[in-house]
Full PDB file with SEQRES, HELIX, SHEET, SSBOND, CRYST1, ORIGX, SCALE, CONECT and MASTER records, all heavy atoms in Angstrom:
SEQRES   1 A   32  SER SER THR GLU LEU LEU ARG PHE TRP HIS PHE MET LYS          
SEQRES   2 A   32  ASN ASN HIS CYS ALA ALA MET SER ILE SER GLY THR PRO          
SEQRES   3 A   32  VAL LEU MET VAL GLN GLY                                      
HELIX    1 AA1 SER A    2  LYS A   13  1                                  12    
HELIX    2 AA2 ASN A   15  ALA A   19  1                                   5    
CRYST1    1.000    1.000    1.000  90.00  90.00  90.00 P 1           1          
ORIGX1      1.000000  0.000000  0.000000        0.00000                         
ORIGX2      0.000000  1.000000  0.000000        0.00000                         
ORIGX3      0.000000  0.000000  1.000000        0.00000                         
SCALE1      1.000000  0.000000  0.000000        0.00000                         
SCALE2      0.000000  1.000000  0.000000        0.00000                         
SCALE3      0.000000  0.000000  1.000000        0.00000                         
ATOM      1  N   SER A   1    -101.078  20.647  74.687  1.00  0.00           N  
ATOM      2  CA  SER A   1    -101.969  19.712  74.019  1.00  0.00           C  
ATOM      3  C   SER A   1    -101.146  18.702  73.224  1.00  0.00           C  
ATOM      4  O   SER A   1     -99.959  18.914  72.957  1.00  0.00           O  
ATOM      5  CB  SER A   1    -102.915  20.462  73.073  1.00  0.00           C  
ATOM      6  OG  SER A   1    -102.181  21.041  71.998  1.00  0.00           O  
ATOM      7  N   SER A   2    -101.804  17.618  72.818  1.00  0.00           N  
ATOM      8  CA  SER A   2    -101.114  16.616  72.014  1.00  0.00           C  
ATOM      9  C   SER A   2    -100.681  17.198  70.675  1.00  0.00           C  
ATOM     10  O   SER A   2     -99.628  16.862  70.141  1.00  0.00           O  
ATOM     11  CB  SER A   2    -102.020  15.402  71.791  1.00  0.00           C  
ATOM     12  OG  SER A   2    -103.246  15.791  71.198  1.00  0.00           O  
ATOM     13  N   THR A   3    -101.481  18.129  70.130  1.00  0.00           N  
ATOM     14  CA  THR A   3    -101.128  18.782  68.870  1.00  0.00           C  
ATOM     15  C   THR A   3     -99.837  19.594  69.019  1.00  0.00           C  
ATOM     16  O   THR A   3     -98.961  19.560  68.161  1.00  0.00           O  
ATOM     17  CB  THR A   3    -102.261  19.709  68.401  1.00  0.00           C  
ATOM     18  OG1 THR A   3    -103.456  18.930  68.220  1.00  0.00           O  
ATOM     19  CG2 THR A   3    -101.910  20.387  67.086  1.00  0.00           C  
ATOM     20  N   GLU A   4     -99.738  20.312  70.134  1.00  0.00           N  
ATOM     21  CA  GLU A   4     -98.528  21.109  70.373  1.00  0.00           C  
ATOM     22  C   GLU A   4     -97.302  20.214  70.530  1.00  0.00           C  
ATOM     23  O   GLU A   4     -96.217  20.540  70.034  1.00  0.00           O  
ATOM     24  CB  GLU A   4     -98.713  21.971  71.624  1.00  0.00           C  
ATOM     25  CG  GLU A   4     -99.670  23.128  71.449  1.00  0.00           C  
ATOM     26  CD  GLU A   4     -99.873  23.897  72.728  1.00  0.00           C  
ATOM     27  OE1 GLU A   4    -100.464  23.335  73.683  1.00  0.00           O  
ATOM     28  OE2 GLU A   4     -99.437  25.049  72.801  1.00  0.00           O  
ATOM     29  N   LEU A   5     -97.464  19.102  71.220  1.00  0.00           N  
ATOM     30  CA  LEU A   5     -96.352  18.170  71.387  1.00  0.00           C  
ATOM     31  C   LEU A   5     -95.870  17.630  70.052  1.00  0.00           C  
ATOM     32  O   LEU A   5     -94.669  17.506  69.810  1.00  0.00           O  
ATOM     33  CB  LEU A   5     -96.767  17.007  72.301  1.00  0.00           C  
ATOM     34  CG  LEU A   5     -96.813  17.306  73.799  1.00  0.00           C  
ATOM     35  CD1 LEU A   5     -97.381  16.121  74.554  1.00  0.00           C  
ATOM     36  CD2 LEU A   5     -95.420  17.645  74.331  1.00  0.00           C  
ATOM     37  N   LEU A   6     -96.823  17.314  69.159  1.00  0.00           N  
ATOM     38  CA  LEU A   6     -96.461  16.805  67.833  1.00  0.00           C  
ATOM     39  C   LEU A   6     -95.730  17.878  67.022  1.00  0.00           C  
ATOM     40  O   LEU A   6     -94.742  17.591  66.337  1.00  0.00           O  
ATOM     41  CB  LEU A   6     -97.707  16.329  67.094  1.00  0.00           C  
ATOM     42  CG  LEU A   6     -98.320  15.020  67.592  1.00  0.00           C  
ATOM     43  CD1 LEU A   6     -99.669  14.760  66.909  1.00  0.00           C  
ATOM     44  CD2 LEU A   6     -97.375  13.842  67.340  1.00  0.00           C  
ATOM     45  N   ARG A   7     -96.220  19.114  67.084  1.00  0.00           N  
ATOM     46  CA  ARG A   7     -95.557  20.212  66.373  1.00  0.00           C  
ATOM     47  C   ARG A   7     -94.134  20.422  66.904  1.00  0.00           C  
ATOM     48  O   ARG A   7     -93.191  20.631  66.142  1.00  0.00           O  
ATOM     49  CB  ARG A   7     -96.357  21.504  66.554  1.00  0.00           C  
ATOM     50  CG  ARG A   7     -97.665  21.573  65.777  1.00  0.00           C  
ATOM     51  CD  ARG A   7     -98.378  22.855  66.122  1.00  0.00           C  
ATOM     52  NE  ARG A   7     -99.671  22.963  65.457  1.00  0.00           N  
ATOM     53  CZ  ARG A   7    -100.596  23.860  65.778  1.00  0.00           C  
ATOM     54  NH1 ARG A   7    -100.354  24.717  66.762  1.00  0.00           N  
ATOM     55  NH2 ARG A   7    -101.731  23.904  65.138  1.00  0.00           N  
ATOM     56  N   PHE A   8     -94.019  20.368  68.220  1.00  0.00           N  
ATOM     57  CA  PHE A   8     -92.710  20.552  68.846  1.00  0.00           C  
ATOM     58  C   PHE A   8     -91.746  19.453  68.396  1.00  0.00           C  
ATOM     59  O   PHE A   8     -90.599  19.727  68.015  1.00  0.00           O  
ATOM     60  CB  PHE A   8     -92.875  20.530  70.371  1.00  0.00           C  
ATOM     61  CG  PHE A   8     -91.577  20.469  71.125  1.00  0.00           C  
ATOM     62  CD1 PHE A   8     -90.778  21.593  71.239  1.00  0.00           C  
ATOM     63  CD2 PHE A   8     -91.150  19.291  71.724  1.00  0.00           C  
ATOM     64  CE1 PHE A   8     -89.579  21.549  71.927  1.00  0.00           C  
ATOM     65  CE2 PHE A   8     -89.956  19.234  72.422  1.00  0.00           C  
ATOM     66  CZ  PHE A   8     -89.166  20.359  72.526  1.00  0.00           C  
ATOM     67  N   TRP A   9     -92.199  18.214  68.426  1.00  0.00           N  
ATOM     68  CA  TRP A   9     -91.334  17.085  68.067  1.00  0.00           C  
ATOM     69  C   TRP A   9     -90.930  17.161  66.594  1.00  0.00           C  
ATOM     70  O   TRP A   9     -89.769  16.889  66.249  1.00  0.00           O  
ATOM     71  CB  TRP A   9     -92.049  15.773  68.358  1.00  0.00           C  
ATOM     72  CG  TRP A   9     -91.118  14.601  68.327  1.00  0.00           C  
ATOM     73  CD1 TRP A   9     -91.062  13.600  67.413  1.00  0.00           C  
ATOM     74  CD2 TRP A   9     -90.080  14.325  69.282  1.00  0.00           C  
ATOM     75  NE1 TRP A   9     -90.062  12.725  67.715  1.00  0.00           N  
ATOM     76  CE2 TRP A   9     -89.437  13.135  68.849  1.00  0.00           C  
ATOM     77  CE3 TRP A   9     -89.640  14.961  70.436  1.00  0.00           C  
ATOM     78  CZ2 TRP A   9     -88.370  12.578  69.558  1.00  0.00           C  
ATOM     79  CZ3 TRP A   9     -88.575  14.415  71.136  1.00  0.00           C  
ATOM     80  CH2 TRP A   9     -87.954  13.232  70.691  1.00  0.00           C  
ATOM     81  N   HIS A  10     -91.852  17.558  65.738  1.00  0.00           N  
ATOM     82  CA  HIS A  10     -91.549  17.684  64.309  1.00  0.00           C  
ATOM     83  C   HIS A  10     -90.493  18.767  64.088  1.00  0.00           C  
ATOM     84  O   HIS A  10     -89.548  18.572  63.301  1.00  0.00           O  
ATOM     85  CB  HIS A  10     -92.819  18.013  63.533  1.00  0.00           C  
ATOM     86  CG  HIS A  10     -92.593  18.224  62.063  1.00  0.00           C  
ATOM     87  ND1 HIS A  10     -92.303  17.195  61.210  1.00  0.00           N  
ATOM     88  CD2 HIS A  10     -92.604  19.358  61.302  1.00  0.00           C  
ATOM     89  CE1 HIS A  10     -92.136  17.668  59.979  1.00  0.00           C  
ATOM     90  NE2 HIS A  10     -92.313  18.980  60.019  1.00  0.00           N  
ATOM     91  N   PHE A  11     -90.636  19.891  64.765  1.00  0.00           N  
ATOM     92  CA  PHE A  11     -89.673  20.989  64.641  1.00  0.00           C  
ATOM     93  C   PHE A  11     -88.287  20.527  65.090  1.00  0.00           C  
ATOM     94  O   PHE A  11     -87.288  20.785  64.416  1.00  0.00           O  
ATOM     95  CB  PHE A  11     -90.132  22.186  65.476  1.00  0.00           C  
ATOM     96  CG  PHE A  11     -89.247  23.399  65.365  1.00  0.00           C  
ATOM     97  CD1 PHE A  11     -89.460  24.336  64.369  1.00  0.00           C  
ATOM     98  CD2 PHE A  11     -88.203  23.602  66.256  1.00  0.00           C  
ATOM     99  CE1 PHE A  11     -88.650  25.462  64.262  1.00  0.00           C  
ATOM    100  CE2 PHE A  11     -87.391  24.724  66.157  1.00  0.00           C  
ATOM    101  CZ  PHE A  11     -87.614  25.649  65.157  1.00  0.00           C  
ATOM    102  N   MET A  12     -88.222  19.836  66.222  1.00  0.00           N  
ATOM    103  CA  MET A  12     -86.939  19.398  66.755  1.00  0.00           C  
ATOM    104  C   MET A  12     -86.291  18.342  65.866  1.00  0.00           C  
ATOM    105  O   MET A  12     -85.064  18.287  65.751  1.00  0.00           O  
ATOM    106  CB  MET A  12     -87.121  18.850  68.180  1.00  0.00           C  
ATOM    107  CG  MET A  12     -87.617  19.871  69.196  1.00  0.00           C  
ATOM    108  SD  MET A  12     -86.461  21.232  69.498  1.00  0.00           S  
ATOM    109  CE  MET A  12     -85.196  20.425  70.465  1.00  0.00           C  
ATOM    110  N   LYS A  13     -87.090  17.515  65.203  1.00  0.00           N  
ATOM    111  CA  LYS A  13     -86.532  16.514  64.290  1.00  0.00           C  
ATOM    112  C   LYS A  13     -85.834  17.178  63.106  1.00  0.00           C  
ATOM    113  O   LYS A  13     -84.907  16.604  62.519  1.00  0.00           O  
ATOM    114  CB  LYS A  13     -87.640  15.589  63.794  1.00  0.00           C  
ATOM    115  CG  LYS A  13     -88.037  14.493  64.770  1.00  0.00           C  
ATOM    116  CD  LYS A  13     -89.062  13.555  64.164  1.00  0.00           C  
ATOM    117  CE  LYS A  13     -88.454  12.753  63.029  1.00  0.00           C  
ATOM    118  NZ  LYS A  13     -89.418  11.793  62.440  1.00  0.00           N  
ATOM    119  N   ASN A  14     -86.300  18.376  62.735  1.00  0.00           N  
ATOM    120  CA  ASN A  14     -85.723  19.079  61.598  1.00  0.00           C  
ATOM    121  C   ASN A  14     -84.425  19.823  61.941  1.00  0.00           C  
ATOM    122  O   ASN A  14     -83.858  20.513  61.094  1.00  0.00           O  
ATOM    123  CB  ASN A  14     -86.729  20.087  61.020  1.00  0.00           C  
ATOM    124  CG  ASN A  14     -87.829  19.385  60.254  1.00  0.00           C  
ATOM    125  OD1 ASN A  14     -87.639  18.296  59.730  1.00  0.00           O  
ATOM    126  ND2 ASN A  14     -88.998  20.006  60.192  1.00  0.00           N  
ATOM    127  N   ASN A  15     -83.952  19.666  63.192  1.00  0.00           N  
ATOM    128  CA  ASN A  15     -82.706  20.335  63.589  1.00  0.00           C  
ATOM    129  C   ASN A  15     -81.522  19.872  62.734  1.00  0.00           C  
ATOM    130  O   ASN A  15     -80.611  20.651  62.464  1.00  0.00           O  
ATOM    131  CB  ASN A  15     -82.393  20.038  65.064  1.00  0.00           C  
ATOM    132  CG  ASN A  15     -83.380  20.705  65.984  1.00  0.00           C  
ATOM    133  OD1 ASN A  15     -84.109  21.587  65.587  1.00  0.00           O  
ATOM    134  ND2 ASN A  15     -83.408  20.261  67.226  1.00  0.00           N  
ATOM    135  N   HIS A  16     -81.548  18.613  62.321  1.00  0.00           N  
ATOM    136  CA  HIS A  16     -80.439  18.092  61.527  1.00  0.00           C  
ATOM    137  C   HIS A  16     -80.357  18.802  60.174  1.00  0.00           C  
ATOM    138  O   HIS A  16     -79.269  19.157  59.708  1.00  0.00           O  
ATOM    139  CB  HIS A  16     -80.582  16.577  61.347  1.00  0.00           C  
ATOM    140  CG  HIS A  16     -80.434  15.820  62.621  1.00  0.00           C  
ATOM    141  ND1 HIS A  16     -79.197  15.500  63.171  1.00  0.00           N  
ATOM    142  CD2 HIS A  16     -81.362  15.339  63.491  1.00  0.00           C  
ATOM    143  CE1 HIS A  16     -79.370  14.842  64.302  1.00  0.00           C  
ATOM    144  NE2 HIS A  16     -80.677  14.730  64.525  1.00  0.00           N  
ATOM    145  N   CYS A  17     -81.518  19.025  59.560  1.00  0.00           N  
ATOM    146  CA  CYS A  17     -81.536  19.757  58.276  1.00  0.00           C  
ATOM    147  C   CYS A  17     -81.020  21.172  58.472  1.00  0.00           C  
ATOM    148  O   CYS A  17     -80.276  21.698  57.629  1.00  0.00           O  
ATOM    149  CB  CYS A  17     -82.950  19.778  57.707  1.00  0.00           C  
ATOM    150  SG  CYS A  17     -83.557  18.161  57.193  1.00  0.00           S  
ATOM    151  N   ALA A  18     -81.435  21.797  59.586  1.00  0.00           N  
ATOM    152  CA  ALA A  18     -80.977  23.168  59.865  1.00  0.00           C  
ATOM    153  C   ALA A  18     -79.469  23.193  60.069  1.00  0.00           C  
ATOM    154  O   ALA A  18     -78.764  24.035  59.503  1.00  0.00           O  
ATOM    155  CB  ALA A  18     -81.697  23.716  61.098  1.00  0.00           C  
ATOM    156  N   ALA A  19     -78.955  22.266  60.872  1.00  0.00           N  
ATOM    157  CA  ALA A  19     -77.518  22.228  61.147  1.00  0.00           C  
ATOM    158  C   ALA A  19     -76.720  22.048  59.856  1.00  0.00           C  
ATOM    159  O   ALA A  19     -75.683  22.705  59.648  1.00  0.00           O  
ATOM    160  CB  ALA A  19     -77.196  21.107  62.129  1.00  0.00           C  
ATOM    161  N   MET A  20     -77.186  21.186  58.987  1.00  0.00           N  
ATOM    162  CA  MET A  20     -76.457  20.911  57.760  1.00  0.00           C  
ATOM    163  C   MET A  20     -76.509  22.063  56.758  1.00  0.00           C  
ATOM    164  O   MET A  20     -75.813  22.051  55.748  1.00  0.00           O  
ATOM    165  CB  MET A  20     -76.991  19.632  57.122  1.00  0.00           C  
ATOM    166  CG  MET A  20     -76.594  18.375  57.885  1.00  0.00           C  
ATOM    167  SD  MET A  20     -77.061  16.825  57.042  1.00  0.00           S  
ATOM    168  CE  MET A  20     -78.831  16.784  57.393  1.00  0.00           C  
ATOM    169  N   SER A  21     -77.335  23.076  57.039  1.00  0.00           N  
ATOM    170  CA  SER A  21     -77.448  24.243  56.156  1.00  0.00           C  
ATOM    171  C   SER A  21     -76.622  25.439  56.620  1.00  0.00           C  
ATOM    172  O   SER A  21     -76.608  26.472  55.969  1.00  0.00           O  
ATOM    173  CB  SER A  21     -78.923  24.657  56.041  1.00  0.00           C  
ATOM    174  OG  SER A  21     -79.702  23.610  55.478  1.00  0.00           O  
ATOM    175  N   ILE A  22     -75.964  25.315  57.766  1.00  0.00           N  
ATOM    176  CA  ILE A  22     -75.173  26.427  58.305  1.00  0.00           C  
ATOM    177  C   ILE A  22     -73.741  26.279  57.787  1.00  0.00           C  
ATOM    178  O   ILE A  22     -72.931  25.530  58.333  1.00  0.00           O  
ATOM    179  CB  ILE A  22     -75.213  26.443  59.849  1.00  0.00           C  
ATOM    180  CG1 ILE A  22     -76.654  26.578  60.318  1.00  0.00           C  
ATOM    181  CG2 ILE A  22     -74.368  27.584  60.395  1.00  0.00           C  
ATOM    182  CD1 ILE A  22     -76.834  26.480  61.827  1.00  0.00           C  
ATOM    183  N   SER A  23     -73.448  26.997  56.733  1.00  0.00           N  
ATOM    184  CA  SER A  23     -72.171  26.788  56.032  1.00  0.00           C  
ATOM    185  C   SER A  23     -71.065  27.767  56.420  1.00  0.00           C  
ATOM    186  O   SER A  23     -69.892  27.488  56.185  1.00  0.00           O  
ATOM    187  CB  SER A  23     -72.406  26.863  54.521  1.00  0.00           C  
ATOM    188  OG  SER A  23     -72.934  28.143  54.164  1.00  0.00           O  
ATOM    189  N   GLY A  24     -71.422  28.922  56.980  1.00  0.00           N  
ATOM    190  CA  GLY A  24     -70.384  29.909  57.266  1.00  0.00           C  
ATOM    191  C   GLY A  24     -70.494  30.593  58.611  1.00  0.00           C  
ATOM    192  O   GLY A  24     -69.513  31.163  59.108  1.00  0.00           O  
ATOM    193  N   THR A  25     -71.655  30.553  59.236  1.00  0.00           N  
ATOM    194  CA  THR A  25     -71.866  31.243  60.509  1.00  0.00           C  
ATOM    195  C   THR A  25     -71.084  30.565  61.639  1.00  0.00           C  
ATOM    196  O   THR A  25     -71.148  29.334  61.773  1.00  0.00           O  
ATOM    197  CB  THR A  25     -73.365  31.239  60.877  1.00  0.00           C  
ATOM    198  OG1 THR A  25     -74.111  31.815  59.813  1.00  0.00           O  
ATOM    199  CG2 THR A  25     -73.618  32.004  62.163  1.00  0.00           C  
ATOM    200  N   PRO A  26     -70.352  31.322  62.455  1.00  0.00           N  
ATOM    201  CA  PRO A  26     -69.672  30.715  63.610  1.00  0.00           C  
ATOM    202  C   PRO A  26     -70.689  30.127  64.594  1.00  0.00           C  
ATOM    203  O   PRO A  26     -71.705  30.769  64.900  1.00  0.00           O  
ATOM    204  CB  PRO A  26     -68.929  31.899  64.242  1.00  0.00           C  
ATOM    205  CG  PRO A  26     -68.786  32.896  63.131  1.00  0.00           C  
ATOM    206  CD  PRO A  26     -70.024  32.741  62.306  1.00  0.00           C  
ATOM    207  N   VAL A  27     -70.416  28.926  65.071  1.00  0.00           N  
ATOM    208  CA  VAL A  27     -71.333  28.262  66.001  1.00  0.00           C  
ATOM    209  C   VAL A  27     -70.544  27.721  67.188  1.00  0.00           C  
ATOM    210  O   VAL A  27     -69.530  27.035  67.030  1.00  0.00           O  
ATOM    211  CB  VAL A  27     -72.080  27.095  65.321  1.00  0.00           C  
ATOM    212  CG1 VAL A  27     -72.944  26.352  66.341  1.00  0.00           C  
ATOM    213  CG2 VAL A  27     -72.946  27.600  64.174  1.00  0.00           C  
ATOM    214  N   LEU A  28     -71.032  28.035  68.384  1.00  0.00           N  
ATOM    215  CA  LEU A  28     -70.542  27.422  69.618  1.00  0.00           C  
ATOM    216  C   LEU A  28     -71.665  26.531  70.131  1.00  0.00           C  
ATOM    217  O   LEU A  28     -72.748  27.017  70.457  1.00  0.00           O  
ATOM    218  CB  LEU A  28     -70.191  28.486  70.664  1.00  0.00           C  
ATOM    219  CG  LEU A  28     -69.818  27.958  72.058  1.00  0.00           C  
ATOM    220  CD1 LEU A  28     -68.547  27.113  72.003  1.00  0.00           C  
ATOM    221  CD2 LEU A  28     -69.657  29.105  73.058  1.00  0.00           C  
ATOM    222  N   MET A  29     -71.435  25.227  70.182  1.00  0.00           N  
ATOM    223  CA  MET A  29     -72.445  24.297  70.676  1.00  0.00           C  
ATOM    224  C   MET A  29     -72.070  23.871  72.088  1.00  0.00           C  
ATOM    225  O   MET A  29     -70.889  23.591  72.371  1.00  0.00           O  
ATOM    226  CB  MET A  29     -72.580  23.102  69.745  1.00  0.00           C  
ATOM    227  CG  MET A  29     -73.918  22.381  69.886  1.00  0.00           C  
ATOM    228  SD  MET A  29     -74.293  21.280  68.484  1.00  0.00           S  
ATOM    229  CE  MET A  29     -74.913  22.457  67.273  1.00  0.00           C  
ATOM    230  N   VAL A  30     -73.046  23.817  72.985  1.00  0.00           N  
ATOM    231  CA  VAL A  30     -72.794  23.597  74.404  1.00  0.00           C  
ATOM    232  C   VAL A  30     -73.581  22.381  74.891  1.00  0.00           C  
ATOM    233  O   VAL A  30     -74.744  22.184  74.515  1.00  0.00           O  
ATOM    234  CB  VAL A  30     -73.196  24.841  75.218  1.00  0.00           C  
ATOM    235  CG1 VAL A  30     -72.893  24.646  76.697  1.00  0.00           C  
ATOM    236  CG2 VAL A  30     -72.490  26.090  74.688  1.00  0.00           C  
ATOM    237  N   GLN A  31     -72.942  21.583  75.739  1.00  0.00           N  
ATOM    238  CA  GLN A  31     -73.583  20.397  76.311  1.00  0.00           C  
ATOM    239  C   GLN A  31     -73.045  20.151  77.712  1.00  0.00           C  
ATOM    240  O   GLN A  31     -71.838  20.161  77.937  1.00  0.00           O  
ATOM    241  CB  GLN A  31     -73.307  19.176  75.437  1.00  0.00           C  
ATOM    242  CG  GLN A  31     -73.741  17.844  76.018  1.00  0.00           C  
ATOM    243  CD  GLN A  31     -75.236  17.614  75.961  1.00  0.00           C  
ATOM    244  OE1 GLN A  31     -75.862  17.856  74.921  1.00  0.00           O  
ATOM    245  NE2 GLN A  31     -75.833  17.143  77.042  1.00  0.00           N  
ATOM    246  N   GLY A  32     -73.947  19.961  78.681  1.00  0.00           N  
ATOM    247  CA  GLY A  32     -73.541  19.585  80.030  1.00  0.00           C  
ATOM    248  C   GLY A  32     -73.218  18.097  80.069  1.00  0.00           C  
ATOM    249  O   GLY A  32     -73.978  17.293  79.509  1.00  0.00           O  
TER     250      GLY A  32                                                      
MASTER        0    0    0    2    0    0    0    6  249    1    0    3          
END                                                                             
């Protein structure tokens, strides 16, 4: 639904805030 798409997009936009809060956990980021 359009509501689900909006929720999904809002969650994904907040990825930057999440990334900036990871101060000690080891992270492997992958991209093709």
